[in-house]
Every structure is written in structure tokens, then in C-alpha cells.
């Protein structure tokens, strides 16, 4: 029953998007193939508040599953600022950007850049964090807490799906246990390959209820998702719950090895690793041996505050220090009350500072990928670490809220939050082709339901035949090419995929075409 209550509460809250102005709208989007690897897009653009708009264009070569081809070099009513109005036009010569014939899908994105990030940050709710942790708290181990482990996984899956994420489970075997990472993806609208990850592990040790380790992370991820889900982003976001961290980072290692997309360009992974324990008592924070020698500035910051455990530690790597600093900057700008102690692990961290690699971010470090660990310090602060007393009564939900707020702000800034909408359109593209000594081009005009055939040579008899894929000839035309375009009507053909064959004097050229008249 408590699971159902939490889900209903989440659904109610996510329907109440943070108040802001209306996003711009694109209507009447069309595309015309001009030949010579050139396209013209026309569209109407409106914005209720009359704001200038940023227009972006990207293409997909796999029926809209992924948009990974940016319209580099496009001109006209594109970029920022674009003024709302009708009859907008974009010209794009896609030479060397689209190299294969076929059906493409194009996405036009309109963003008025009117997002109130402070309001989003302020929407992070301590009460919802507590309510979620009341459910998540409990042994989540594959042997001693298998039922509650499954309940927590189901909670994450349901939240991801309800937030509109493309949700999957990455399954793998671990000594007979059917392990799984929980993954929710929100594709970026204009830079889909560029990616940020927010993750943390959901499993516990054998006999701990794991409120801080690592229930605090799971509820933090879910709350960050709640406030970010209503918005679009330039870059992709991925929310991940990792299994089997307590067995040696097994889940995150499996994800890094086998779970990422081939096109992923990871710009940063935020790893929540115990973000709930806070103490303002002097000497409540200890540090690993030698810390003062390797990190004198961080040590001085802790020492100056009388070793109070009242800060979040941001641990990165020197080669990716810009990503670590991005969190620090966002925290200072949007959550100034959150104290952050930040440091970069040394190149030999695996030997010199193994304590800095005790969470899922280390799997990314080992693969040469940028990641930071956000942590309250585990056993260096929380005396109930891995104990039966790791319960929510020992945690500070204001502190958790502040950590989540800083992370939300960093994601919004780095991933490019948008107040945007988009429209999409299809077109069949055909590049220039060889036929003997002639350069031939076939252009498909969906608006007039015609094929246009051109050649660089003249006075050559051509026969054009369209076949069904089973080999049946359904349309045939013959003419002597004299320099003028040859047009073949496809209006009478049912929608589908066909084979086009152009027969010259000595050679034959063939290609598949897609007819989509409706």
C-alpha cells in the first residue's frame, strides 16, 4: 500500500510543472529536396510572449530512433535569435554530412531560453525525500532482503516510466543471482550523443537497512528526476540505479563495459554515494591517513571548521577537473548555504587513495570517463555505516535537499535545459551517382509525388522501371534524355518500399525507394 501511495503522490506532483512562460511552437513544417545535396525547410514559428527563439535542426538516419546528425552549415531562419513569424526558411547543403541514400527524419527544435532554474532548484522537496526514504529504507540484499530489493527496483522503474524516460533493465548474472541495473534515458533534442548520468547504487550489505548507504542516493535521484522531467534538454540525461555495488562495483562495471550506447559521448557522471549524514558537532568528521599531504587545501577547509561533518565532498579527477568545478560553481550560485569541499584524486588513486574509489564513479574512472562522487564521507562521518543503525532517523533531510538542489542546478546548466518544443518531417534523400560516364541524380519529391531524374550527359536513351520487392514490374517509362529533367509520377503507387532501376546504354543503376504519399 505504501508503494501505491508514493506513486500516486509522484503522479500528482509531476503534473504540476513549475510555472513559466509557454514554449514556442513550430507548425507547417515541410522539406523540399532541391537536388545537389540541398534541402529547403519551411515552417511557421509562434511564441505567446513574443520572445526571440533559438532554432536547431538535426537529422536521424534510423527512422527517428536517434537524432545524431547536426545540420552544420545550415543558413536562414536558424540559430539565435530567430523572430517568430510565418514563412520561415532554412537552407541546408548536407554534402559530407549525409553520405548514404535513404529515408531520413528531420527534427526542428524551438527554444525561447526562458527557464527559471532557481525556481526548479527551489522545487526540490525535503518532505518528498523523506516520504520516499520511508519506503526505500530496509535491507536490500539479494539474499537477506530480496523482496525489498525487488520493491525498490520496481519503484525506480515505475518512476522512470512515469517521468517519460525510455526505461530498461540491464540484466546480468552474478553467481546465479539475476542482477539488474535500472536505466532511464531522456534523449537530448539537439546533441543526443552528448550525455550526463546521475546514478547511485540501491543494494545494501547483508544486515543494514541502508538509509544513508545508499537509500539517500536513490531518493535523491528520484527527486532530481521529478523536478527535471517536465523539461527538454540539448544533451541527453540518463538516470541509473546500480546493482551490486557492495560486491565490488559489479553493476557499474557491467554498465560501463556493456551498457553504454556506441555513440555515447559521456561528459560527466554524478555519483550519489551516501548524501544524508550531517553533523555540526566539532570533530565529527575524520579523514583518511595522509589526506593532509595529498589534499592540503581540502584538509585546511575541514580543519578550519573544527572537523565538523557539515559539508558534501565532491571528488573528481584532475584530467576532468572542469566537470568537478561545474558542480562547485552551480552549488555556489544556486545553493550557497551548502558547504562543498572539493578535490581531485591523484593519477595513482587506485593505490595512493583507494578510499576515493569506493563507489560506482570508480568504474567510470577506470574506463577513462569523467565522473564525480558526491558523498558525506561514509565511515569517516557516519558511525552507523554498514550497521543496523543506518536508519533515516539519523539523517538530515535539509542536507539531502541541498545536495540534490546543487546537482539539479549543475545538470540544468551543463545539459542545456530548454523551454522548447519540436516538429519532425521525413524525406527520402538520394545522392549523386555514377552510370557509365554520366553523373546521375534521383530526387524524390514527396509533395508532388514524383521522382526527378537528371544526368550530366545528353542524348542517351533511358528506361526507368519500378519493381515491387518481389520482382514484379509495376511501372515503366522510356525516353531520350536531352538535358531536361525526367519526371516519373508515383502518385498511383501504394505506400511501401520499391526498387527503382535506371537502364542506360551499357549499364544499369538500382536503388530502393520509399513511397509515403499519405
Protein backbone atom coordinates (compact mmCIF):
# COMPACT_ATOMS: atom_id res chain seq x y z
CA UNK A 1 0.00 0.00 0.00
CA UNK A 2 2.78 2.49 0.85
CA UNK A 3 4.24 1.86 -2.62
CA UNK A 4 0.91 2.84 -4.23
CA UNK A 5 0.65 5.99 -2.09
CA UNK A 6 4.11 7.14 -3.13
CA UNK A 7 3.38 6.53 -6.81
CA UNK A 8 0.11 8.45 -6.66
CA UNK A 9 1.79 11.36 -4.89
CA UNK A 10 4.55 11.41 -7.51
CA UNK A 11 1.99 11.42 -10.34
CA UNK A 12 0.10 14.33 -8.77
CA UNK A 13 3.21 16.44 -8.31
CA UNK A 14 4.76 15.85 -11.73
CA UNK A 15 1.58 17.07 -13.44
CA UNK A 16 2.08 20.46 -11.80
CA UNK A 17 5.01 21.81 -13.84
CA UNK A 18 6.83 24.76 -12.41
CA UNK A 19 5.15 27.94 -13.61
CA UNK A 20 6.89 29.64 -16.51
CA UNK A 21 6.08 31.12 -19.89
CA UNK A 22 4.76 28.96 -22.70
CA UNK A 23 7.31 27.34 -25.04
CA UNK A 24 7.41 28.43 -28.69
CA UNK A 25 5.51 26.40 -31.29
CA UNK A 26 6.53 25.17 -34.76
CA UNK A 27 3.77 24.48 -37.30
CA UNK A 28 3.50 23.67 -41.01
CA UNK A 29 6.99 22.18 -41.23
CA UNK A 30 7.85 20.98 -44.76
CA UNK A 31 11.02 19.86 -46.51
CA UNK A 32 11.86 20.14 -50.21
CA UNK A 33 14.75 18.26 -51.81
CA UNK A 34 16.44 20.75 -54.15
CA UNK A 35 18.90 18.26 -55.60
CA UNK A 36 22.66 18.73 -55.43
CA UNK A 37 22.56 17.57 -51.79
CA UNK A 38 20.49 20.56 -50.75
CA UNK A 39 17.30 20.80 -48.70
CA UNK A 40 14.90 23.65 -48.00
CA UNK A 41 12.81 23.61 -44.82
CA UNK A 42 9.88 25.95 -44.36
CA UNK A 43 7.91 26.47 -41.17
CA UNK A 44 5.81 28.87 -39.12
CA UNK A 45 7.01 29.93 -35.67
CA UNK A 46 4.96 31.40 -32.82
CA UNK A 47 5.72 32.37 -29.24
CA UNK A 48 2.99 33.53 -26.91
CA UNK A 49 5.25 36.04 -25.18
CA UNK A 50 6.96 37.19 -28.37
CA UNK A 51 10.41 36.05 -27.25
CA UNK A 52 13.26 35.57 -29.67
CA UNK A 53 13.83 31.86 -30.27
CA UNK A 54 16.78 29.55 -30.83
CA UNK A 55 16.12 27.20 -33.78
CA UNK A 56 18.12 23.99 -34.19
CA UNK A 57 17.97 21.30 -36.89
CA UNK A 58 19.11 17.67 -36.58
CA UNK A 59 18.59 14.52 -38.64
CA UNK A 60 18.05 10.82 -37.99
CA UNK A 61 19.02 8.01 -40.36
CA UNK A 62 17.19 5.28 -38.39
CA UNK A 63 13.54 6.34 -38.51
CA UNK A 64 13.82 8.73 -35.59
CA UNK A 65 15.29 6.32 -33.04
CA UNK A 66 18.31 8.59 -32.61
CA UNK A 67 19.00 12.09 -33.95
CA UNK A 68 22.77 12.20 -34.31
CA UNK A 69 23.34 14.28 -37.48
CA UNK A 70 23.59 18.04 -36.80
CA UNK A 71 22.73 20.40 -39.66
CA UNK A 72 26.16 22.02 -39.76
CA UNK A 73 26.32 24.98 -42.12
CA UNK A 74 22.55 25.43 -42.42
CA UNK A 75 21.53 29.02 -43.08
CA UNK A 76 18.44 31.18 -42.96
CA UNK A 77 15.97 31.22 -40.08
CA UNK A 78 18.10 29.08 -37.77
CA UNK A 79 20.09 29.73 -34.60
CA UNK A 80 19.54 32.58 -32.15
CA UNK A 81 17.86 35.00 -32.33
CA UNK A 82 15.07 33.91 -34.65
CA UNK A 83 11.98 36.13 -34.55
CA UNK A 84 8.55 34.44 -34.51
CA UNK A 85 6.57 34.66 -37.75
CA UNK A 86 5.25 32.72 -40.71
CA UNK A 87 7.07 31.54 -43.83
CA UNK A 88 10.41 30.88 -42.13
CA UNK A 89 13.00 29.12 -44.29
CA UNK A 90 16.22 27.14 -43.76
CA UNK A 91 18.67 26.04 -46.45
CA UNK A 92 20.99 23.10 -45.76
CA UNK A 93 23.63 21.64 -48.05
CA UNK A 94 24.27 18.29 -46.45
CA UNK A 95 27.32 17.28 -48.53
CA UNK A 96 29.68 15.11 -46.42
CA UNK A 97 27.18 15.09 -43.55
CA UNK A 98 24.63 12.71 -45.06
CA UNK A 99 26.51 10.18 -47.18
CA UNK A 100 24.00 7.37 -47.75
CA UNK A 101 20.81 7.25 -49.77
CA UNK A 102 17.66 6.53 -47.82
CA UNK A 103 14.78 7.79 -45.74
CA UNK A 104 15.69 10.43 -43.16
CA UNK A 105 13.74 12.09 -40.40
CA UNK A 106 14.42 15.72 -39.54
CA UNK A 107 13.73 17.48 -36.24
CA UNK A 108 13.35 21.22 -35.88
CA UNK A 109 13.65 22.47 -32.27
CA UNK A 110 12.45 25.84 -30.98
CA UNK A 111 13.73 27.05 -27.59
CA UNK A 112 12.95 30.50 -26.18
CA UNK A 113 15.62 30.14 -23.46
CA UNK A 114 13.12 31.15 -20.79
CA UNK A 115 13.76 28.65 -17.99
CA UNK A 116 13.73 29.71 -14.34
CA UNK A 117 16.49 27.50 -12.91
CA UNK A 118 16.22 28.98 -9.38
CA UNK A 119 12.54 28.01 -9.32
CA UNK A 120 13.39 24.45 -10.37
CA UNK A 121 16.05 24.26 -7.68
CA UNK A 122 13.61 25.58 -5.08
CA UNK A 123 11.09 22.88 -6.03
CA UNK A 124 13.25 20.10 -4.55
CA UNK A 125 11.21 18.95 -1.55
CA UNK A 126 12.59 17.61 1.75
CA UNK A 127 9.21 16.08 2.64
CA UNK A 128 9.11 14.05 -0.56
CA UNK A 129 12.68 12.89 0.06
CA UNK A 130 11.65 11.68 3.50
CA UNK A 131 8.49 10.00 2.22
CA UNK A 132 10.47 8.13 -0.41
CA UNK A 133 13.13 7.06 2.08
CA UNK A 134 10.47 5.74 4.45
CA UNK A 135 9.70 3.27 1.68
CA UNK A 136 13.26 2.59 0.48
CA UNK A 137 14.77 2.04 3.94
CA UNK A 138 15.21 -1.66 4.66
CA UNK A 139 17.65 -4.44 3.83
CA UNK A 140 18.11 -4.56 0.05
CA UNK A 141 20.41 -7.53 -0.32
CA UNK A 142 19.98 -10.34 -2.84
CA UNK A 143 19.84 -13.00 -0.06
CA UNK A 144 18.65 -11.34 3.17
CA UNK A 145 16.44 -8.67 1.62
CA UNK A 146 15.49 -9.97 -1.82
CA UNK A 147 11.83 -8.93 -1.62
CA UNK A 148 12.53 -5.34 -0.64
CA UNK A 149 15.36 -5.18 -3.17
CA UNK A 150 12.81 -6.04 -5.88
CA UNK A 151 10.35 -3.49 -4.46
CA UNK A 152 12.98 -0.77 -4.65
CA UNK A 153 13.89 -1.71 -8.21
CA UNK A 154 10.19 -1.62 -9.14
CA UNK A 155 9.87 1.81 -7.55
CA UNK A 156 12.68 3.15 -9.70
CA UNK A 157 11.34 1.53 -12.85
CA UNK A 158 7.86 2.97 -12.25
CA UNK A 159 9.18 6.45 -11.54
CA UNK A 160 11.36 6.39 -14.64
CA UNK A 161 8.46 5.28 -16.81
CA UNK A 162 6.02 7.78 -15.29
CA UNK A 163 8.51 10.55 -15.97
CA UNK A 164 8.54 9.64 -19.66
CA UNK A 165 12.03 8.15 -19.71
CA UNK A 166 12.96 5.33 -22.08
CA UNK A 167 13.30 2.73 -19.34
CA UNK A 168 15.27 -0.51 -19.45
CA UNK A 169 16.83 -3.06 -17.12
CA UNK A 170 20.35 -4.22 -17.90
CA UNK A 171 20.29 -7.83 -16.74
CA UNK A 172 23.34 -9.95 -15.97
CA UNK A 173 24.22 -12.98 -13.89
CA UNK A 174 26.19 -12.84 -10.65
CA UNK A 175 26.80 -16.28 -9.15
CA UNK A 176 23.27 -17.36 -10.04
CA UNK A 177 21.65 -14.12 -8.93
CA UNK A 178 19.73 -12.32 -11.71
CA UNK A 179 21.24 -8.88 -11.21
CA UNK A 180 19.99 -5.80 -13.00
CA UNK A 181 20.82 -2.15 -13.39
CA UNK A 182 17.82 0.18 -13.76
CA UNK A 183 18.25 2.74 -16.55
CA UNK A 184 16.05 5.64 -17.62
CA UNK A 185 17.10 7.74 -20.61
CA UNK A 186 15.93 11.21 -21.64
CA UNK A 187 17.38 11.88 -25.09
CA UNK A 188 18.78 15.30 -25.82
CA UNK A 189 16.88 17.11 -28.54
CA UNK A 190 19.82 18.61 -30.42
CA UNK A 191 23.02 16.98 -29.07
CA UNK A 192 21.79 13.49 -28.31
CA UNK A 193 25.20 11.82 -28.30
CA UNK A 194 26.47 14.13 -25.53
CA UNK A 195 25.43 12.64 -22.21
CA UNK A 196 25.25 13.27 -18.47
CA UNK A 197 24.48 10.49 -15.99
CA UNK A 198 23.04 10.74 -12.48
CA UNK A 199 23.45 7.43 -10.68
CA UNK A 200 23.88 5.56 -7.43
CA UNK A 201 23.59 2.03 -6.11
CA UNK A 202 20.44 0.64 -4.50
CA UNK A 203 21.76 -2.52 -2.81
CA UNK A 204 22.83 -2.82 0.83
CA UNK A 205 25.09 -5.10 2.81
CA UNK A 206 23.62 -8.21 4.42
CA UNK A 207 22.06 -6.75 7.56
CA UNK A 208 21.80 -2.97 7.21
CA UNK A 209 18.63 -1.04 6.34
CA UNK A 210 20.86 1.27 4.32
CA UNK A 211 19.07 4.59 4.78
CA UNK A 212 22.25 6.56 4.14
CA UNK A 213 24.04 3.79 2.25
CA UNK A 214 22.58 4.17 -0.22
CA UNK A 215 18.90 4.91 0.18
CA UNK A 216 19.74 8.61 0.41
CA UNK A 217 21.16 8.42 -3.11
CA UNK A 218 18.15 6.62 -4.58
CA UNK A 219 15.64 9.10 -3.19
CA UNK A 220 17.92 11.93 -4.32
CA UNK A 221 17.95 10.58 -7.86
CA UNK A 222 14.16 10.26 -7.88
CA UNK A 223 13.65 13.78 -6.57
CA UNK A 224 16.08 15.23 -9.11
CA UNK A 225 14.17 13.38 -11.82
CA UNK A 226 10.84 14.74 -10.57
CA UNK A 227 11.82 18.39 -10.95
CA UNK A 228 13.78 17.95 -14.19
CA UNK A 229 11.37 15.65 -16.05
CA UNK A 230 9.00 18.38 -17.36
CA UNK A 231 11.81 19.99 -19.36
CA UNK A 232 13.70 19.25 -22.54
CA UNK A 233 17.49 19.35 -22.78
CA UNK A 234 20.04 19.86 -25.53
CA UNK A 235 22.09 16.93 -24.27
CA UNK A 236 20.94 13.54 -23.05
CA UNK A 237 20.29 12.65 -19.41
CA UNK A 238 20.46 9.14 -18.03
CA UNK A 239 19.28 8.15 -14.56
CA UNK A 240 20.73 4.85 -13.32
CA UNK A 241 20.33 2.65 -10.27
CA UNK A 242 23.28 0.29 -9.99
CA UNK A 243 23.07 -3.19 -8.52
CA UNK A 244 25.79 -4.96 -6.52
CA UNK A 245 27.97 -2.00 -5.61
CA UNK A 246 28.52 -3.66 -2.26
CA UNK A 247 30.03 -6.68 -4.04
CA UNK A 248 32.80 -4.62 -5.64
CA UNK A 249 31.12 -2.15 -8.02
CA UNK A 250 29.81 -5.08 -10.05
CA UNK A 251 26.77 -3.32 -11.52
CA UNK A 252 28.54 -0.16 -12.62
CA UNK A 253 31.44 -2.13 -14.08
CA UNK A 254 28.92 -4.15 -16.09
CA UNK A 255 27.25 -0.95 -17.27
CA UNK A 256 30.49 0.70 -18.37
CA UNK A 257 31.56 -2.46 -20.20
CA UNK A 258 28.27 -3.40 -21.85
CA UNK A 259 25.51 -0.89 -21.15
CA UNK A 260 26.51 2.29 -22.93
CA UNK A 261 25.43 3.15 -26.45
CA UNK A 262 28.15 3.10 -29.14
CA UNK A 263 27.53 6.79 -29.87
CA UNK A 264 27.57 7.97 -26.23
CA UNK A 265 29.92 10.87 -25.52
CA UNK A 266 29.87 10.96 -21.74
CA UNK A 267 30.53 14.49 -20.50
CA UNK A 268 30.05 13.68 -16.83
CA UNK A 269 28.63 11.17 -14.35
CA UNK A 270 27.26 12.36 -10.99
CA UNK A 271 27.56 9.54 -8.44
CA UNK A 272 25.46 9.91 -5.29
CA UNK A 273 27.23 7.88 -2.59
CA UNK A 274 25.68 8.50 0.85
CA UNK A 275 24.41 12.08 0.84
CA UNK A 276 22.36 12.13 4.04
CA UNK A 277 24.53 12.22 7.17
CA UNK A 278 25.29 15.68 8.54
CA UNK A 279 26.78 16.84 11.80
CA UNK A 280 27.62 20.31 13.03
CA UNK A 281 29.49 18.93 16.04
CA UNK A 282 33.25 19.63 16.18
CA UNK A 283 35.41 16.57 15.45
CA UNK A 284 32.51 14.67 13.88
CA UNK A 285 34.48 14.34 10.62
CA UNK A 286 37.58 12.20 10.30
CA UNK A 287 39.81 11.81 7.25
CA UNK A 288 41.93 9.01 5.74
CA UNK A 289 45.59 8.79 6.73
CA UNK A 290 47.77 11.07 4.64
CA UNK A 291 44.85 13.20 3.50
CA UNK A 292 46.56 16.39 4.67
CA UNK A 293 49.60 15.65 2.50
CA UNK A 294 47.73 14.89 -0.72
CA UNK A 295 44.95 17.47 -0.35
CA UNK A 296 46.23 20.35 1.79
CA UNK A 297 43.52 22.83 0.69
CA UNK A 298 40.66 20.43 1.39
CA UNK A 299 42.25 19.45 4.70
CA UNK A 300 42.61 23.09 5.70
CA UNK A 301 38.92 23.72 4.91
CA UNK A 302 37.87 20.86 7.20
CA UNK A 303 40.34 21.83 9.89
CA UNK A 304 39.23 25.47 9.87
CA UNK A 305 35.66 24.29 10.58
CA UNK A 306 36.88 22.23 13.56
CA UNK A 307 36.37 18.97 11.67
CA UNK A 308 32.61 19.34 11.60
CA UNK A 309 30.83 16.90 9.28
CA UNK A 310 28.67 19.63 7.76
CA UNK A 311 29.71 19.50 4.10
CA UNK A 312 29.39 17.40 0.97
CA UNK A 313 32.62 16.13 -0.55
CA UNK A 314 32.96 16.45 -4.32
CA UNK A 315 35.63 14.05 -5.57
CA UNK A 316 36.80 14.23 -9.19
CA UNK A 317 39.93 13.70 -11.24
CA UNK A 318 42.45 16.28 -12.41
CA UNK A 319 42.03 15.43 -16.09
CA UNK A 320 38.31 16.18 -15.79
CA UNK A 321 38.55 18.99 -13.25
CA UNK A 322 36.27 21.23 -15.34
CA UNK A 323 33.39 18.84 -14.71
CA UNK A 324 34.08 18.75 -10.96
CA UNK A 325 34.25 22.53 -10.91
CA UNK A 326 30.92 22.77 -12.74
CA UNK A 327 29.22 21.25 -9.69
CA UNK A 328 31.07 23.63 -7.36
CA UNK A 329 30.03 26.65 -9.43
CA UNK A 330 26.37 25.55 -9.57
CA UNK A 331 26.31 24.89 -5.82
CA UNK A 332 27.77 28.31 -5.05
CA UNK A 333 25.37 30.09 -7.41
CA UNK A 334 22.11 28.32 -6.58
CA UNK A 335 22.60 26.72 -3.13
CA UNK A 336 25.10 28.96 -1.33
CA UNK A 337 24.12 27.50 2.06
CA UNK A 338 25.53 24.11 1.01
CA UNK A 339 29.16 23.74 2.06
CA UNK A 340 31.24 21.88 -0.53
CA UNK A 341 34.76 20.51 -0.04
CA UNK A 342 36.14 19.67 -3.46
CA UNK A 343 39.23 17.76 -4.53
CA UNK A 344 40.79 15.85 -7.43
CA UNK A 345 42.03 12.30 -6.89
CA UNK A 346 45.67 11.82 -7.94
CA UNK A 347 46.63 9.87 -11.06
CA UNK A 348 47.57 6.86 -8.93
CA UNK A 349 44.38 6.96 -6.87
CA UNK A 350 43.86 3.20 -7.02
CA UNK A 351 47.00 2.74 -4.88
CA UNK A 352 47.51 6.11 -3.20
CA UNK A 353 43.92 6.91 -2.19
CA UNK A 354 41.78 3.76 -2.54
CA UNK A 355 39.15 5.30 -0.23
CA UNK A 356 38.33 7.77 -3.03
CA UNK A 357 37.36 4.90 -5.32
CA UNK A 358 34.87 3.10 -3.11
CA UNK A 359 31.79 3.75 -5.22
CA UNK A 360 30.38 3.44 -8.72
CA UNK A 361 32.15 6.54 -10.08
CA UNK A 362 35.37 4.50 -9.94
CA UNK A 363 34.09 2.19 -12.68
CA UNK A 364 33.96 5.23 -14.95
CA UNK A 365 37.38 6.43 -13.85
CA UNK A 366 38.87 3.05 -14.71
CA UNK A 367 37.44 3.41 -18.22
CA UNK A 368 38.88 6.92 -18.61
CA UNK A 369 35.46 8.59 -18.32
CA UNK A 370 34.59 11.75 -16.36
CA UNK A 371 32.77 11.20 -13.07
CA UNK A 372 32.47 12.76 -9.64
CA UNK A 373 31.49 11.22 -6.32
CA UNK A 374 29.26 13.29 -4.07
CA UNK A 375 29.50 11.84 -0.58
CA UNK A 376 29.04 12.60 3.10
CA UNK A 377 32.18 10.61 3.83
CA UNK A 378 30.72 7.20 4.73
CA UNK A 379 32.51 5.68 7.75
CA UNK A 380 34.65 8.81 8.14
CA UNK A 381 31.50 10.57 9.40
CA UNK A 382 28.59 8.17 9.81
CA UNK A 383 29.24 5.81 12.72
CA UNK A 384 26.30 3.64 11.61
CA UNK A 385 27.94 2.87 8.24
CA UNK A 386 27.04 -0.73 7.26
CA UNK A 387 25.34 -1.18 10.63
CA UNK A 388 21.79 -1.92 11.75
CA UNK A 389 21.53 1.67 12.92
CA UNK A 390 21.78 3.17 9.43
CA UNK A 391 18.21 4.48 9.59
CA UNK A 392 16.56 7.65 8.35
CA UNK A 393 16.25 8.99 11.89
CA UNK A 394 19.98 9.71 11.77
CA UNK A 395 19.82 11.66 8.51
CA UNK A 396 19.40 15.35 7.77
CA UNK A 397 16.85 15.94 5.01
CA UNK A 398 17.73 19.60 4.63
CA UNK A 399 21.25 18.47 3.78
CA UNK A 400 19.99 15.88 1.28
CA UNK A 401 17.75 18.51 -0.30
CA UNK A 402 20.67 20.90 -0.70
CA UNK A 403 22.86 18.27 -2.36
CA UNK A 404 20.06 17.39 -4.77
CA UNK A 405 19.43 21.07 -5.46
CA UNK A 406 23.07 21.68 -6.36
CA UNK A 407 23.05 18.63 -8.61
CA UNK A 408 19.85 19.71 -10.34
CA UNK A 409 21.36 23.14 -10.96
CA UNK A 410 24.56 21.64 -12.37
CA UNK A 411 22.60 19.32 -14.67
CA UNK A 412 20.36 22.14 -15.87
CA UNK A 413 23.36 24.31 -16.70
CA UNK A 414 25.60 21.63 -18.21
CA UNK A 415 22.99 19.59 -20.10
CA UNK A 416 21.35 22.70 -21.55
CA UNK A 417 17.84 22.86 -20.11
CA UNK A 418 15.28 24.20 -22.58
CA UNK A 419 11.81 25.68 -22.72
CA UNK A 420 11.26 24.09 -26.09
CA UNK A 421 9.06 22.16 -28.48
CA UNK A 422 9.90 20.45 -31.76
CA UNK A 423 8.41 19.26 -35.03
CA UNK A 424 9.58 16.44 -37.31
CA UNK A 425 9.32 15.61 -41.02
CA UNK A 426 10.52 12.79 -43.29
CA UNK A 427 12.31 12.90 -46.66
CA UNK A 428 13.90 10.33 -48.99
CA UNK A 429 17.38 11.54 -50.00
CA UNK A 430 19.41 10.35 -52.97
CA UNK A 431 22.98 11.43 -53.55
CA UNK A 432 24.68 11.85 -56.93
CA UNK A 433 25.53 8.50 -58.63
CA UNK A 434 27.68 7.14 -61.45
CA UNK A 435 26.19 5.50 -64.56
CA UNK A 436 28.90 4.93 -67.15
CA UNK A 437 30.42 8.30 -67.97
CA UNK A 438 27.35 10.14 -66.67
CA UNK A 439 26.69 11.51 -63.22
CA UNK A 440 23.08 10.68 -62.36
CA UNK A 441 20.84 12.00 -59.63
CA UNK A 442 17.42 10.81 -58.48
CA UNK A 443 15.38 13.22 -56.35
CA UNK A 444 12.18 12.20 -54.62
CA UNK A 445 9.58 14.97 -54.30
CA UNK A 446 7.08 13.84 -51.70
CA UNK A 447 4.97 16.99 -52.05
CA UNK A 448 4.25 16.38 -55.77
CA UNK A 449 4.55 12.57 -55.59
CA UNK A 450 7.20 12.47 -58.32
CA UNK A 451 10.71 11.17 -58.96
CA UNK A 452 13.03 13.59 -60.72
CA UNK A 453 15.89 12.04 -62.76
CA UNK A 454 18.82 14.14 -64.00
CA UNK A 455 22.03 13.27 -65.84
CA UNK A 456 25.25 15.08 -66.66
CA UNK A 457 25.30 13.72 -70.25
CA UNK A 458 22.70 14.16 -73.02
CA UNK A 459 21.24 12.22 -75.96
CA UNK A 460 21.14 8.97 -74.02
CA UNK A 461 18.07 6.72 -74.09
CA UNK A 462 16.94 5.87 -70.58
CA UNK A 463 14.41 3.36 -69.32
CA UNK A 464 13.08 3.75 -65.80
CA UNK A 465 11.41 0.76 -64.15
CA UNK A 466 9.87 0.48 -60.67
CA UNK A 467 9.58 -3.01 -59.22
CA UNK A 468 7.92 -4.38 -56.15
CA UNK A 469 10.43 -6.07 -53.86
CA UNK A 470 9.13 -9.45 -55.03
CA UNK A 471 10.42 -8.59 -58.54
CA UNK A 472 7.09 -7.68 -60.14
CA UNK A 473 7.36 -4.77 -62.58
CA UNK A 474 4.66 -2.18 -61.87
CA UNK A 475 5.79 0.98 -63.71
CA UNK A 476 7.98 1.54 -66.78
CA UNK A 477 8.86 4.66 -68.77
CA UNK A 478 11.29 5.21 -71.66
CA UNK A 479 12.65 8.46 -73.05
CA UNK A 480 15.68 10.00 -74.70
CA UNK A 481 17.44 12.19 -72.16
CA UNK A 482 18.28 15.55 -73.76
CA UNK A 483 19.29 17.59 -70.73
CA UNK A 484 15.87 18.27 -69.25
CA UNK A 485 14.75 16.56 -66.06
CA UNK A 486 12.71 13.39 -66.40
CA UNK A 487 9.74 13.17 -64.04
CA UNK A 488 8.10 9.88 -63.04
CA UNK A 489 4.82 10.08 -61.12
CA UNK A 490 4.48 7.82 -58.09
CA UNK A 491 1.01 9.05 -57.12
CA UNK A 492 -0.66 5.80 -58.16
CA UNK A 493 1.67 3.61 -56.08
CA UNK A 494 0.59 2.32 -52.67
CA UNK A 495 2.83 3.35 -49.80
CA UNK A 496 5.77 0.99 -49.38
CA UNK A 497 9.35 0.21 -50.40
CA UNK A 498 10.18 -0.37 -54.07
CA UNK A 499 13.19 -0.96 -56.29
CA UNK A 500 13.96 1.78 -58.84
CA UNK A 501 16.03 0.74 -61.86
CA UNK A 502 17.50 3.15 -64.42
CA UNK A 503 18.76 1.44 -67.62
CA UNK A 504 21.23 3.33 -69.82
CA UNK A 505 23.08 2.27 -72.99
CA UNK A 506 25.58 -0.01 -71.31
CA UNK A 507 24.90 -0.01 -67.56
CA UNK A 508 22.10 -0.29 -65.04
CA UNK A 509 21.68 1.56 -61.76
CA UNK A 510 19.33 0.36 -58.98
CA UNK A 511 18.25 1.70 -55.59
CA UNK A 512 15.45 1.22 -53.10
CA UNK A 513 12.88 4.00 -52.71
CA UNK A 514 10.19 4.57 -50.11
CA UNK A 515 6.78 5.82 -51.19
CA UNK A 516 4.81 7.61 -48.48
CA UNK A 517 2.10 9.58 -50.27
CA UNK A 518 -0.28 9.74 -47.34
